[in-house]
Structures are given as structure tokens and as C-alpha cells.
Amino acid sequence: MKSCKVPKHRMQSIDHEVLHDPSLQVATFAAGCFWCAQEAFEDQPGVKAVIAGYTGGTTEDPSYEDVLTETTGHREAVQVYFDPERTSFEHLLIIFWSTIDPTDAGGQLADRGESYTTAIFYHNDEQRRIAEQSKKDQQVQYSKPMVTKILPFKNFYIAEEYHQGYAKKHPVRYKLYKVGSGRSAMLKERSAKY
């Protein structure tokens, strides 16, 4: 299921051919700040597009301001469109785990609240099985239980244009955020594990 709802007012930089390419598969990850998740997956071999958006909630077509209220049930997330001939869902999961603290139930680093909590939204039974095994394999690295949820995919609403490719469009501002939030330090520590 490749369900990405693209409201007309948010269509500027989205490659619609990628969204409808039957040769590609899609993975949906909530990894805290979606700017950081985009940066982690962009430019990976086999990844054709990484789209920032909102997933898992009940509000139709939420805005960034709506999601920040913590009343919509949505998380910041990314949809990763990838070529399974060049990369795998398993490999994308390794990237996902390396960029988050899966033991934090309150968000990620400086970003707090349900909208910043981590989750893997599976699109089929195979993704569910692979995600569950991957989580089990990762648990041995942590003394605390991992709280990252594995949930069925329901919906994905693309975020506003200014959120798409934020790290590339605003490198100075993004770097300040990445350092200030503690993400740079966490990634440096995690790089030793992966």
C-alpha cells in the first residue's frame, strides 16, 4: 500500500512519478524530527525519495501547527520510496535504529511529546515480521526496554513544502538545530555501534 495524501497546496517539490512507480516499495518511519529522518535516508543507495509528513493519527490533512498541539494523534514521519533491487527494508531499519533512542517514550532528545515518539508503520505482513525481528535483535544493545512501536500503516499526509528537504535548503539553521537538540552528539555516539 503506497498511500501518500498530497493536498494541492503542498505539491510543489513532490515527484509524482516516484509516488506512483510500481517498481518501488515504501517504508514509513517516525523517528522524532522529520528533518533529521529525511537527512538520514536521503542519498542512500536505492532510495528514490524521502517525504516528510504526518502519520498514525485521526485528523484529516493536519498542518504542522495542528500536530504540535498533540491532539491529532499524528507523529512526524517520513515515507521512504526505495528500489528493492538496490536496497532492502532490513537495511533501512538499520539506518532507522541508528538515528533514534528507541528507549525514550516521551519523544526524541529536545523534541518532546507524542508527535515525536518513534514507530515503524508496516505496509504488509512481511514488513511487520522483519520489523519485529529487527527490534528483537536490537534490544540486546540496550539495558532498558525498547518502546518504539510497530504499527499497521493507516495514513500519511505530506508536510508543508518548507519542511521538505529542510537540511539541504537551510544547512546553517539545520546544523544549529542538530547540535542544539543533542542529535549531533547522539549520532556521533551511535556511529560507533553501526
N, C-alpha and C. Protein backbone atom coordinates (compact mmCIF):
# COMPACT_ATOMS: atom_id res chain seq x y z
N MET A 1 0.85 -1.18 0.00
CA MET A 1 0.00 0.00 0.00
C MET A 1 0.89 1.24 0.00
N LYS A 2 0.75 2.07 -1.03
CA LYS A 2 1.54 3.30 -1.11
C LYS A 2 0.59 4.48 -0.99
N SER A 3 0.09 4.73 0.18
CA SER A 3 -0.88 5.80 0.35
C SER A 3 -0.20 7.05 0.90
N CYS A 4 -0.03 8.02 0.05
CA CYS A 4 0.54 9.30 0.45
C CYS A 4 -0.41 10.37 -0.02
N LYS A 5 -1.09 11.02 0.90
CA LYS A 5 -2.07 12.03 0.54
C LYS A 5 -1.37 13.37 0.36
N VAL A 6 -1.49 13.91 -0.85
CA VAL A 6 -0.79 15.15 -1.19
C VAL A 6 -1.82 16.23 -1.47
N PRO A 7 -2.14 17.06 -0.47
CA PRO A 7 -3.07 18.15 -0.72
C PRO A 7 -2.51 19.09 -1.79
N LYS A 8 -3.40 19.70 -2.58
CA LYS A 8 -2.96 20.56 -3.69
C LYS A 8 -2.05 21.68 -3.22
N HIS A 9 -2.27 22.19 -2.03
CA HIS A 9 -1.45 23.30 -1.55
C HIS A 9 -0.08 22.85 -1.05
N ARG A 10 0.23 21.55 -1.15
CA ARG A 10 1.53 21.04 -0.69
C ARG A 10 2.23 20.21 -1.76
N MET A 11 2.03 20.52 -3.02
CA MET A 11 2.51 19.66 -4.10
C MET A 11 3.80 20.12 -4.76
N GLN A 12 4.38 21.22 -4.37
CA GLN A 12 5.45 21.85 -5.13
C GLN A 12 6.61 20.94 -5.49
N SER A 13 7.26 20.32 -4.54
CA SER A 13 8.51 19.61 -4.83
C SER A 13 8.36 18.08 -4.88
N ILE A 14 7.13 17.59 -4.85
CA ILE A 14 6.93 16.15 -4.81
C ILE A 14 6.99 15.58 -6.22
N ASP A 15 7.80 14.56 -6.41
CA ASP A 15 7.92 13.87 -7.69
C ASP A 15 6.81 12.83 -7.78
N HIS A 16 5.75 13.16 -8.48
CA HIS A 16 4.59 12.27 -8.52
C HIS A 16 4.88 10.97 -9.27
N GLU A 17 5.85 10.98 -10.17
CA GLU A 17 6.22 9.74 -10.85
C GLU A 17 6.77 8.73 -9.84
N VAL A 18 7.56 9.21 -8.89
CA VAL A 18 8.10 8.33 -7.85
C VAL A 18 6.97 7.75 -7.01
N LEU A 19 6.01 8.59 -6.64
CA LEU A 19 4.91 8.12 -5.79
C LEU A 19 4.11 7.00 -6.45
N HIS A 20 4.08 6.98 -7.77
CA HIS A 20 3.25 6.00 -8.47
C HIS A 20 4.06 4.97 -9.24
N ASP A 21 5.36 4.89 -8.97
CA ASP A 21 6.22 3.93 -9.65
C ASP A 21 6.01 2.54 -9.05
N PRO A 22 5.45 1.59 -9.83
CA PRO A 22 5.14 0.27 -9.27
C PRO A 22 6.37 -0.56 -8.92
N SER A 23 7.55 -0.16 -9.41
CA SER A 23 8.76 -0.93 -9.11
C SER A 23 9.34 -0.59 -7.74
N LEU A 24 8.84 0.49 -7.13
CA LEU A 24 9.36 0.93 -5.83
C LEU A 24 8.51 0.40 -4.68
N GLN A 25 9.16 0.22 -3.54
CA GLN A 25 8.46 -0.10 -2.30
C GLN A 25 8.53 1.12 -1.39
N VAL A 26 7.70 1.14 -0.37
CA VAL A 26 7.67 2.27 0.55
C VAL A 26 7.78 1.78 1.99
N ALA A 27 8.54 2.53 2.78
CA ALA A 27 8.66 2.29 4.22
C ALA A 27 8.29 3.58 4.93
N THR A 28 7.63 3.47 6.06
CA THR A 28 7.19 4.65 6.81
C THR A 28 7.75 4.57 8.22
N PHE A 29 8.52 5.61 8.58
CA PHE A 29 9.20 5.65 9.87
C PHE A 29 8.92 6.96 10.60
N ALA A 30 8.59 6.86 11.88
CA ALA A 30 8.54 8.02 12.76
C ALA A 30 9.80 7.96 13.61
N ALA A 31 10.68 8.95 13.45
CA ALA A 31 11.99 8.91 14.10
C ALA A 31 12.29 10.19 14.85
N GLY A 32 11.26 10.80 15.40
CA GLY A 32 11.45 12.10 16.03
C GLY A 32 11.28 13.18 14.97
N CYS A 33 12.16 14.15 14.95
CA CYS A 33 12.10 15.25 13.99
C CYS A 33 12.21 14.73 12.56
N PHE A 34 11.24 15.07 11.71
CA PHE A 34 11.29 14.54 10.35
C PHE A 34 12.38 15.16 9.50
N TRP A 35 12.88 16.33 9.88
CA TRP A 35 14.04 16.90 9.15
C TRP A 35 15.22 15.94 9.27
N CYS A 36 15.42 15.43 10.48
CA CYS A 36 16.57 14.54 10.74
C CYS A 36 16.38 13.20 10.06
N ALA A 37 15.15 12.70 10.06
CA ALA A 37 14.88 11.43 9.40
C ALA A 37 15.11 11.56 7.90
N GLN A 38 14.67 12.68 7.33
CA GLN A 38 14.92 12.89 5.89
C GLN A 38 16.41 12.86 5.60
N GLU A 39 17.17 13.58 6.38
CA GLU A 39 18.61 13.64 6.15
C GLU A 39 19.24 12.25 6.24
N ALA A 40 18.78 11.44 7.18
CA ALA A 40 19.36 10.11 7.37
C ALA A 40 19.15 9.20 6.17
N PHE A 41 17.99 9.30 5.52
CA PHE A 41 17.67 8.39 4.43
C PHE A 41 18.00 8.93 3.04
N GLU A 42 18.03 10.26 2.91
CA GLU A 42 18.35 10.84 1.60
C GLU A 42 19.76 10.42 1.18
N ASP A 43 19.94 10.28 -0.09
CA ASP A 43 21.26 9.96 -0.68
C ASP A 43 21.74 8.55 -0.36
N GLN A 44 20.89 7.72 0.24
CA GLN A 44 21.24 6.31 0.43
C GLN A 44 21.06 5.59 -0.90
N PRO A 45 21.94 4.66 -1.24
CA PRO A 45 21.77 3.91 -2.49
C PRO A 45 20.41 3.23 -2.54
N GLY A 46 19.73 3.37 -3.66
CA GLY A 46 18.43 2.74 -3.85
C GLY A 46 17.25 3.54 -3.36
N VAL A 47 17.49 4.61 -2.60
CA VAL A 47 16.39 5.45 -2.11
C VAL A 47 16.09 6.51 -3.17
N LYS A 48 14.85 6.53 -3.63
CA LYS A 48 14.44 7.45 -4.70
C LYS A 48 13.80 8.73 -4.19
N ALA A 49 13.16 8.66 -3.02
CA ALA A 49 12.53 9.86 -2.45
C ALA A 49 12.31 9.64 -0.96
N VAL A 50 12.42 10.73 -0.20
CA VAL A 50 12.12 10.72 1.23
C VAL A 50 11.21 11.92 1.48
N ILE A 51 9.99 11.66 1.90
CA ILE A 51 8.99 12.70 2.05
C ILE A 51 8.62 12.88 3.51
N ALA A 52 8.66 14.11 3.98
CA ALA A 52 8.28 14.42 5.36
C ALA A 52 6.77 14.58 5.45
N GLY A 53 6.22 14.05 6.54
CA GLY A 53 4.77 14.19 6.71
C GLY A 53 4.32 13.77 8.09
N TYR A 54 3.02 13.50 8.18
CA TYR A 54 2.38 13.18 9.45
C TYR A 54 1.63 11.85 9.27
N THR A 55 1.74 10.96 10.26
CA THR A 55 1.11 9.65 10.13
C THR A 55 0.59 9.14 11.46
N GLY A 56 -0.39 8.23 11.36
CA GLY A 56 -0.86 7.50 12.53
C GLY A 56 -2.00 8.12 13.29
N GLY A 57 -2.42 9.32 12.91
CA GLY A 57 -3.45 10.00 13.67
C GLY A 57 -4.83 9.89 13.05
N THR A 58 -5.75 10.68 13.60
CA THR A 58 -7.14 10.63 13.15
C THR A 58 -7.58 11.89 12.42
N THR A 59 -6.88 12.99 12.62
CA THR A 59 -7.26 14.25 11.97
C THR A 59 -6.93 14.19 10.48
N GLU A 60 -7.88 14.56 9.63
CA GLU A 60 -7.65 14.62 8.19
C GLU A 60 -6.77 15.83 7.86
N ASP A 61 -5.78 15.62 7.01
CA ASP A 61 -4.92 16.67 6.48
C ASP A 61 -4.45 17.66 7.56
N PRO A 62 -3.75 17.17 8.60
CA PRO A 62 -3.31 18.08 9.65
C PRO A 62 -2.18 18.98 9.17
N SER A 63 -2.11 20.16 9.75
CA SER A 63 -0.98 21.06 9.49
C SER A 63 0.08 20.82 10.57
N TYR A 64 1.24 21.40 10.37
CA TYR A 64 2.30 21.32 11.37
C TYR A 64 1.81 21.88 12.70
N GLU A 65 1.10 23.00 12.63
CA GLU A 65 0.57 23.62 13.86
C GLU A 65 -0.43 22.70 14.55
N ASP A 66 -1.26 22.00 13.77
CA ASP A 66 -2.21 21.04 14.35
C ASP A 66 -1.48 19.93 15.09
N VAL A 67 -0.47 19.36 14.46
CA VAL A 67 0.26 18.23 15.04
C VAL A 67 0.97 18.66 16.31
N LEU A 68 1.50 19.88 16.33
CA LEU A 68 2.19 20.40 17.52
C LEU A 68 1.28 20.47 18.74
N THR A 69 -0.03 20.55 18.55
CA THR A 69 -0.96 20.62 19.70
C THR A 69 -1.03 19.30 20.45
N GLU A 70 -0.50 18.21 19.84
CA GLU A 70 -0.54 16.88 20.44
C GLU A 70 -1.98 16.39 20.63
N THR A 71 -2.90 16.83 19.77
CA THR A 71 -4.29 16.39 19.86
C THR A 71 -4.73 15.59 18.63
N THR A 72 -3.88 15.47 17.63
CA THR A 72 -4.29 14.82 16.38
C THR A 72 -3.95 13.34 16.35
N GLY A 73 -3.04 12.89 17.23
CA GLY A 73 -2.59 11.51 17.23
C GLY A 73 -1.51 11.22 16.20
N HIS A 74 -1.14 12.23 15.41
CA HIS A 74 -0.12 12.02 14.38
C HIS A 74 1.28 12.15 14.94
N ARG A 75 2.21 11.47 14.28
CA ARG A 75 3.64 11.62 14.55
C ARG A 75 4.28 12.26 13.33
N GLU A 76 5.35 13.02 13.55
CA GLU A 76 6.19 13.43 12.43
C GLU A 76 6.83 12.16 11.89
N ALA A 77 6.87 12.02 10.59
CA ALA A 77 7.37 10.78 9.99
C ALA A 77 7.90 11.05 8.58
N VAL A 78 8.52 10.02 8.03
CA VAL A 78 8.95 10.08 6.63
C VAL A 78 8.46 8.83 5.91
N GLN A 79 8.16 9.03 4.63
CA GLN A 79 7.94 7.89 3.76
C GLN A 79 9.16 7.79 2.86
N VAL A 80 9.74 6.60 2.84
CA VAL A 80 10.95 6.33 2.07
C VAL A 80 10.56 5.44 0.89
N TYR A 81 10.72 5.98 -0.32
CA TYR A 81 10.45 5.22 -1.54
C TYR A 81 11.78 4.64 -2.02
N PHE A 82 11.82 3.31 -2.14
CA PHE A 82 13.10 2.67 -2.43
C PHE A 82 12.97 1.56 -3.46
N ASP A 83 14.08 1.34 -4.14
CA ASP A 83 14.18 0.30 -5.15
C ASP A 83 14.66 -0.99 -4.46
N PRO A 84 13.81 -2.01 -4.36
CA PRO A 84 14.21 -3.24 -3.64
C PRO A 84 15.32 -4.02 -4.34
N GLU A 85 15.64 -3.65 -5.57
CA GLU A 85 16.76 -4.28 -6.26
C GLU A 85 18.09 -3.69 -5.80
N ARG A 86 18.04 -2.50 -5.17
CA ARG A 86 19.27 -1.82 -4.77
C ARG A 86 19.45 -1.69 -3.27
N THR A 87 18.36 -1.79 -2.53
CA THR A 87 18.45 -1.75 -1.07
C THR A 87 17.28 -2.57 -0.53
N SER A 88 17.23 -2.72 0.78
CA SER A 88 16.19 -3.57 1.37
C SER A 88 15.55 -2.87 2.57
N PHE A 89 14.38 -3.35 2.93
CA PHE A 89 13.71 -2.86 4.12
C PHE A 89 14.59 -3.11 5.35
N GLU A 90 15.28 -4.24 5.39
CA GLU A 90 16.18 -4.56 6.50
C GLU A 90 17.26 -3.50 6.64
N HIS A 91 17.83 -3.08 5.51
CA HIS A 91 18.88 -2.06 5.56
C HIS A 91 18.32 -0.71 6.03
N LEU A 92 17.13 -0.37 5.57
CA LEU A 92 16.51 0.88 6.02
C LEU A 92 16.26 0.85 7.53
N LEU A 93 15.91 -0.32 8.06
CA LEU A 93 15.72 -0.44 9.51
C LEU A 93 17.01 -0.20 10.27
N ILE A 94 18.13 -0.64 9.74
CA ILE A 94 19.43 -0.38 10.39
C ILE A 94 19.68 1.12 10.47
N ILE A 95 19.38 1.83 9.39
CA ILE A 95 19.53 3.29 9.39
C ILE A 95 18.59 3.90 10.44
N PHE A 96 17.34 3.46 10.44
CA PHE A 96 16.35 3.95 11.39
C PHE A 96 16.83 3.79 12.83
N TRP A 97 17.23 2.57 13.22
CA TRP A 97 17.67 2.33 14.60
C TRP A 97 18.88 3.17 14.95
N SER A 98 19.76 3.42 13.98
CA SER A 98 21.00 4.15 14.27
C SER A 98 20.76 5.63 14.51
N THR A 99 19.56 6.13 14.20
CA THR A 99 19.31 7.56 14.33
C THR A 99 18.35 7.92 15.47
N ILE A 100 17.93 6.92 16.24
CA ILE A 100 16.96 7.20 17.32
C ILE A 100 17.43 6.61 18.64
N ASP A 101 16.76 7.04 19.72
CA ASP A 101 16.87 6.38 21.01
C ASP A 101 15.57 5.60 21.19
N PRO A 102 15.56 4.30 20.91
CA PRO A 102 14.32 3.53 20.97
C PRO A 102 13.82 3.25 22.38
N THR A 103 14.54 3.73 23.40
CA THR A 103 14.09 3.54 24.78
C THR A 103 13.38 4.77 25.34
N ASP A 104 13.26 5.83 24.54
CA ASP A 104 12.66 7.09 25.00
C ASP A 104 11.18 7.12 24.65
N ALA A 105 10.32 7.02 25.64
CA ALA A 105 8.87 7.00 25.42
C ALA A 105 8.26 8.40 25.31
N GLY A 106 9.05 9.43 25.57
CA GLY A 106 8.50 10.78 25.60
C GLY A 106 8.82 11.65 24.40
N GLY A 107 9.50 11.08 23.41
CA GLY A 107 9.91 11.86 22.24
C GLY A 107 11.34 11.52 21.89
N GLN A 108 12.03 12.45 21.26
CA GLN A 108 13.43 12.24 20.91
C GLN A 108 14.21 13.50 21.25
N LEU A 109 15.21 13.32 22.14
CA LEU A 109 16.11 14.41 22.51
C LEU A 109 15.32 15.64 22.96
N ALA A 110 15.55 16.80 22.35
CA ALA A 110 14.87 18.03 22.79
C ALA A 110 13.41 18.09 22.33
N ASP A 111 13.04 17.25 21.39
CA ASP A 111 11.67 17.25 20.86
C ASP A 111 10.81 16.30 21.69
N ARG A 112 9.88 16.87 22.43
CA ARG A 112 9.08 16.08 23.36
C ARG A 112 7.63 16.03 22.93
N GLY A 113 6.96 14.96 23.31
CA GLY A 113 5.55 14.78 23.01
C GLY A 113 5.31 13.61 22.09
N GLU A 114 4.05 13.17 22.03
CA GLU A 114 3.68 12.01 21.22
C GLU A 114 4.07 12.17 19.76
N SER A 115 3.97 13.39 19.24
CA SER A 115 4.25 13.60 17.82
C SER A 115 5.72 13.34 17.47
N TYR A 116 6.58 13.25 18.47
CA TYR A 116 8.00 12.97 18.25
C TYR A 116 8.40 11.57 18.72
N THR A 117 7.44 10.75 19.08
CA THR A 117 7.78 9.39 19.50
C THR A 117 8.04 8.52 18.27
N THR A 118 8.80 7.44 18.48
CA THR A 118 9.25 6.63 17.37
C THR A 118 8.31 5.46 17.08
N ALA A 119 8.24 5.11 15.81
CA ALA A 119 7.42 3.97 15.39
C ALA A 119 7.81 3.54 13.98
N ILE A 120 7.55 2.29 13.71
CA ILE A 120 7.67 1.73 12.36
C ILE A 120 6.24 1.39 11.94
N PHE A 121 5.81 1.94 10.81
CA PHE A 121 4.47 1.67 10.30
C PHE A 121 4.59 0.70 9.13
N TYR A 122 4.19 -0.54 9.36
CA TYR A 122 4.39 -1.55 8.32
C TYR A 122 3.26 -1.53 7.30
N HIS A 123 3.64 -1.80 6.04
CA HIS A 123 2.71 -1.77 4.91
C HIS A 123 2.20 -3.16 4.52
N ASN A 124 2.82 -4.21 5.06
CA ASN A 124 2.38 -5.58 4.75
C ASN A 124 2.93 -6.52 5.83
N ASP A 125 2.52 -7.76 5.77
CA ASP A 125 2.93 -8.73 6.80
C ASP A 125 4.44 -8.98 6.79
N GLU A 126 5.04 -8.93 5.62
CA GLU A 126 6.48 -9.15 5.56
C GLU A 126 7.23 -8.03 6.29
N GLN A 127 6.83 -6.78 6.06
CA GLN A 127 7.47 -5.67 6.78
C GLN A 127 7.25 -5.81 8.29
N ARG A 128 6.06 -6.22 8.69
CA ARG A 128 5.79 -6.41 10.13
C ARG A 128 6.74 -7.45 10.71
N ARG A 129 6.86 -8.58 10.04
CA ARG A 129 7.73 -9.66 10.52
C ARG A 129 9.19 -9.20 10.59
N ILE A 130 9.66 -8.54 9.55
CA ILE A 130 11.04 -8.07 9.52
C ILE A 130 11.29 -7.04 10.61
N ALA A 131 10.33 -6.12 10.80
CA ALA A 131 10.47 -5.08 11.82
C ALA A 131 10.51 -5.68 13.22
N GLU A 132 9.64 -6.65 13.48
CA GLU A 132 9.61 -7.29 14.81
C GLU A 132 10.92 -8.01 15.10
N GLN A 133 11.45 -8.71 14.10
CA GLN A 133 12.72 -9.42 14.30
C GLN A 133 13.86 -8.43 14.49
N SER A 134 13.84 -7.35 13.72
CA SER A 134 14.89 -6.33 13.83
C SER A 134 14.87 -5.70 15.22
N LYS A 135 13.69 -5.40 15.72
CA LYS A 135 13.58 -4.81 17.06
C LYS A 135 14.11 -5.79 18.11
N LYS A 136 13.76 -7.04 17.95
CA LYS A 136 14.24 -8.07 18.88
C LYS A 136 15.77 -8.15 18.85
N ASP A 137 16.35 -8.10 17.67
CA ASP A 137 17.81 -8.15 17.51
C ASP A 137 18.48 -6.92 18.13
N GLN A 138 17.83 -5.77 18.02
CA GLN A 138 18.41 -4.53 18.55
C GLN A 138 18.37 -4.46 20.07
N GLN A 139 17.36 -5.11 20.68
CA GLN A 139 17.15 -4.98 22.13
C GLN A 139 18.40 -5.35 22.94
N VAL A 140 19.21 -6.25 22.43
CA VAL A 140 20.39 -6.69 23.18
C VAL A 140 21.38 -5.54 23.43
N GLN A 141 21.26 -4.46 22.67
CA GLN A 141 22.17 -3.33 22.83
C GLN A 141 21.75 -2.37 23.95
N TYR A 142 20.58 -2.59 24.52
CA TYR A 142 20.03 -1.63 25.49
C TYR A 142 19.71 -2.31 26.81
N SER A 143 19.99 -1.61 27.89
CA SER A 143 19.65 -2.14 29.21
C SER A 143 18.19 -1.87 29.56
N LYS A 144 17.61 -0.84 28.94
CA LYS A 144 16.19 -0.52 29.16
C LYS A 144 15.37 -1.10 28.01
N PRO A 145 14.09 -1.36 28.24
CA PRO A 145 13.26 -1.90 27.16
C PRO A 145 13.07 -0.88 26.03
N MET A 146 13.05 -1.38 24.81
CA MET A 146 12.78 -0.53 23.66
C MET A 146 11.28 -0.27 23.59
N VAL A 147 10.91 0.99 23.37
CA VAL A 147 9.50 1.36 23.36
C VAL A 147 9.01 1.76 21.96
N THR A 148 9.88 1.71 20.98
CA THR A 148 9.48 2.01 19.61
C THR A 148 8.36 1.06 19.19
N LYS A 149 7.25 1.61 18.71
CA LYS A 149 6.10 0.78 18.35
C LYS A 149 6.20 0.31 16.91
N ILE A 150 5.62 -0.85 16.66
CA ILE A 150 5.48 -1.38 15.31
C ILE A 150 3.97 -1.45 15.06
N LEU A 151 3.50 -0.60 14.13
CA LEU A 151 2.08 -0.39 13.94
C LEU A 151 1.67 -0.56 12.48
N PRO A 152 0.43 -0.94 12.24
CA PRO A 152 -0.03 -1.01 10.85
C PRO A 152 -0.15 0.39 10.24
N PHE A 153 0.27 0.51 9.00
CA PHE A 153 0.17 1.79 8.31
C PHE A 153 -1.30 2.10 8.03
N LYS A 154 -1.71 3.36 8.33
CA LYS A 154 -3.08 3.79 8.07
C LYS A 154 -3.15 4.95 7.10
N ASN A 155 -2.31 5.94 7.33
CA ASN A 155 -2.38 7.15 6.52
C ASN A 155 -1.07 7.90 6.57
N PHE A 156 -0.87 8.77 5.62
CA PHE A 156 0.31 9.63 5.60
C PHE A 156 -0.07 10.90 4.88
N TYR A 157 0.08 12.02 5.57
CA TYR A 157 -0.22 13.32 4.98
C TYR A 157 1.09 14.08 4.83
N ILE A 158 1.35 14.50 3.61
CA ILE A 158 2.60 15.19 3.35
C ILE A 158 2.65 16.50 4.13
N ALA A 159 3.84 16.81 4.65
CA ALA A 159 4.03 18.06 5.40
C ALA A 159 4.17 19.23 4.43
N GLU A 160 4.13 20.41 5.00
CA GLU A 160 4.24 21.64 4.23
C GLU A 160 5.56 21.68 3.45
N GLU A 161 5.56 22.41 2.37
CA GLU A 161 6.72 22.49 1.48
C GLU A 161 7.99 22.89 2.21
N TYR A 162 7.90 23.81 3.16
CA TYR A 162 9.12 24.29 3.83
C TYR A 162 9.79 23.21 4.68
N HIS A 163 9.08 22.11 4.95
CA HIS A 163 9.69 21.01 5.70
C HIS A 163 10.41 20.02 4.79
N GLN A 164 10.11 20.04 3.51
CA GLN A 164 10.69 19.06 2.59
C GLN A 164 12.15 19.40 2.30
N GLY A 165 13.04 18.44 2.57
CA GLY A 165 14.46 18.66 2.31
C GLY A 165 15.05 19.81 3.12
N TYR A 166 14.57 19.97 4.34
CA TYR A 166 14.96 21.13 5.16
C TYR A 166 16.47 21.22 5.36
N ALA A 167 17.12 20.10 5.61
CA ALA A 167 18.57 20.12 5.88
C ALA A 167 19.36 20.65 4.68
N LYS A 168 18.89 20.35 3.49
CA LYS A 168 19.59 20.82 2.29
C LYS A 168 19.24 22.26 1.96
N LYS A 169 18.00 22.65 2.21
CA LYS A 169 17.57 24.02 1.90
C LYS A 169 18.11 25.03 2.89
N HIS A 170 18.26 24.62 4.15
CA HIS A 170 18.68 25.54 5.23
C HIS A 170 19.80 24.91 6.04
N PRO A 171 20.97 24.69 5.43
CA PRO A 171 22.03 23.94 6.11
C PRO A 171 22.52 24.57 7.41
N VAL A 172 22.60 25.90 7.47
CA VAL A 172 23.10 26.55 8.68
C VAL A 172 22.09 26.40 9.81
N ARG A 173 20.83 26.72 9.52
CA ARG A 173 19.78 26.60 10.55
C ARG A 173 19.64 25.15 11.01
N TYR A 174 19.71 24.22 10.05
CA TYR A 174 19.58 22.81 10.40
C TYR A 174 20.74 22.37 11.29
N LYS A 175 21.95 22.78 10.96
CA LYS A 175 23.10 22.40 11.77
C LYS A 175 22.96 22.92 13.20
N LEU A 176 22.49 24.15 13.34
CA LEU A 176 22.28 24.72 14.68
C LEU A 176 21.25 23.90 15.46
N TYR A 177 20.17 23.51 14.77
CA TYR A 177 19.15 22.69 15.42
C TYR A 177 19.74 21.33 15.82
N LYS A 178 20.48 20.73 14.90
CA LYS A 178 21.02 19.38 15.12
C LYS A 178 21.97 19.37 16.32
N VAL A 179 22.79 20.38 16.45
CA VAL A 179 23.71 20.48 17.58
C VAL A 179 22.94 20.81 18.85
N GLY A 180 22.07 21.84 18.77
CA GLY A 180 21.33 22.30 19.94
C GLY A 180 20.39 21.28 20.53
N SER A 181 19.82 20.42 19.68
CA SER A 181 18.88 19.41 20.15
C SER A 181 19.57 18.22 20.79
N GLY A 182 20.88 18.10 20.56
CA GLY A 182 21.62 16.95 21.07
C GLY A 182 21.75 15.82 20.07
N ARG A 183 21.18 15.99 18.88
CA ARG A 183 21.20 14.91 17.89
C ARG A 183 22.61 14.65 17.37
N SER A 184 23.39 15.70 17.14
CA SER A 184 24.76 15.50 16.63
C SER A 184 25.57 14.64 17.59
N ALA A 185 25.47 14.94 18.88
CA ALA A 185 26.21 14.16 19.88
C ALA A 185 25.73 12.72 19.92
N MET A 186 24.41 12.51 19.82
CA MET A 186 23.87 11.16 19.85
C MET A 186 24.33 10.36 18.63
N LEU A 187 24.30 10.99 17.47
CA LEU A 187 24.71 10.29 16.25
C LEU A 187 26.18 9.92 16.29
N LYS A 188 26.98 10.80 16.86
CA LYS A 188 28.42 10.51 16.99
C LYS A 188 28.61 9.27 17.88
N GLU A 189 27.86 9.21 18.96
CA GLU A 189 27.95 8.06 19.86
C GLU A 189 27.44 6.78 19.17
N ARG A 190 26.33 6.91 18.43
CA ARG A 190 25.74 5.76 17.76
C ARG A 190 26.59 5.23 16.63
N SER A 191 27.35 6.11 15.98
CA SER A 191 28.15 5.67 14.82
C SER A 191 29.18 4.61 15.22
N ALA A 192 29.53 4.60 16.47
CA ALA A 192 30.46 3.58 16.96
C ALA A 192 29.81 2.19 17.00
N LYS A 193 28.47 2.15 17.07
CA LYS A 193 27.75 0.88 17.17
C LYS A 193 27.46 0.28 15.80
N TYR A 194 27.40 1.13 14.77
CA TYR A 194 26.92 0.66 13.46
C TYR A 194 28.01 0.74 12.41
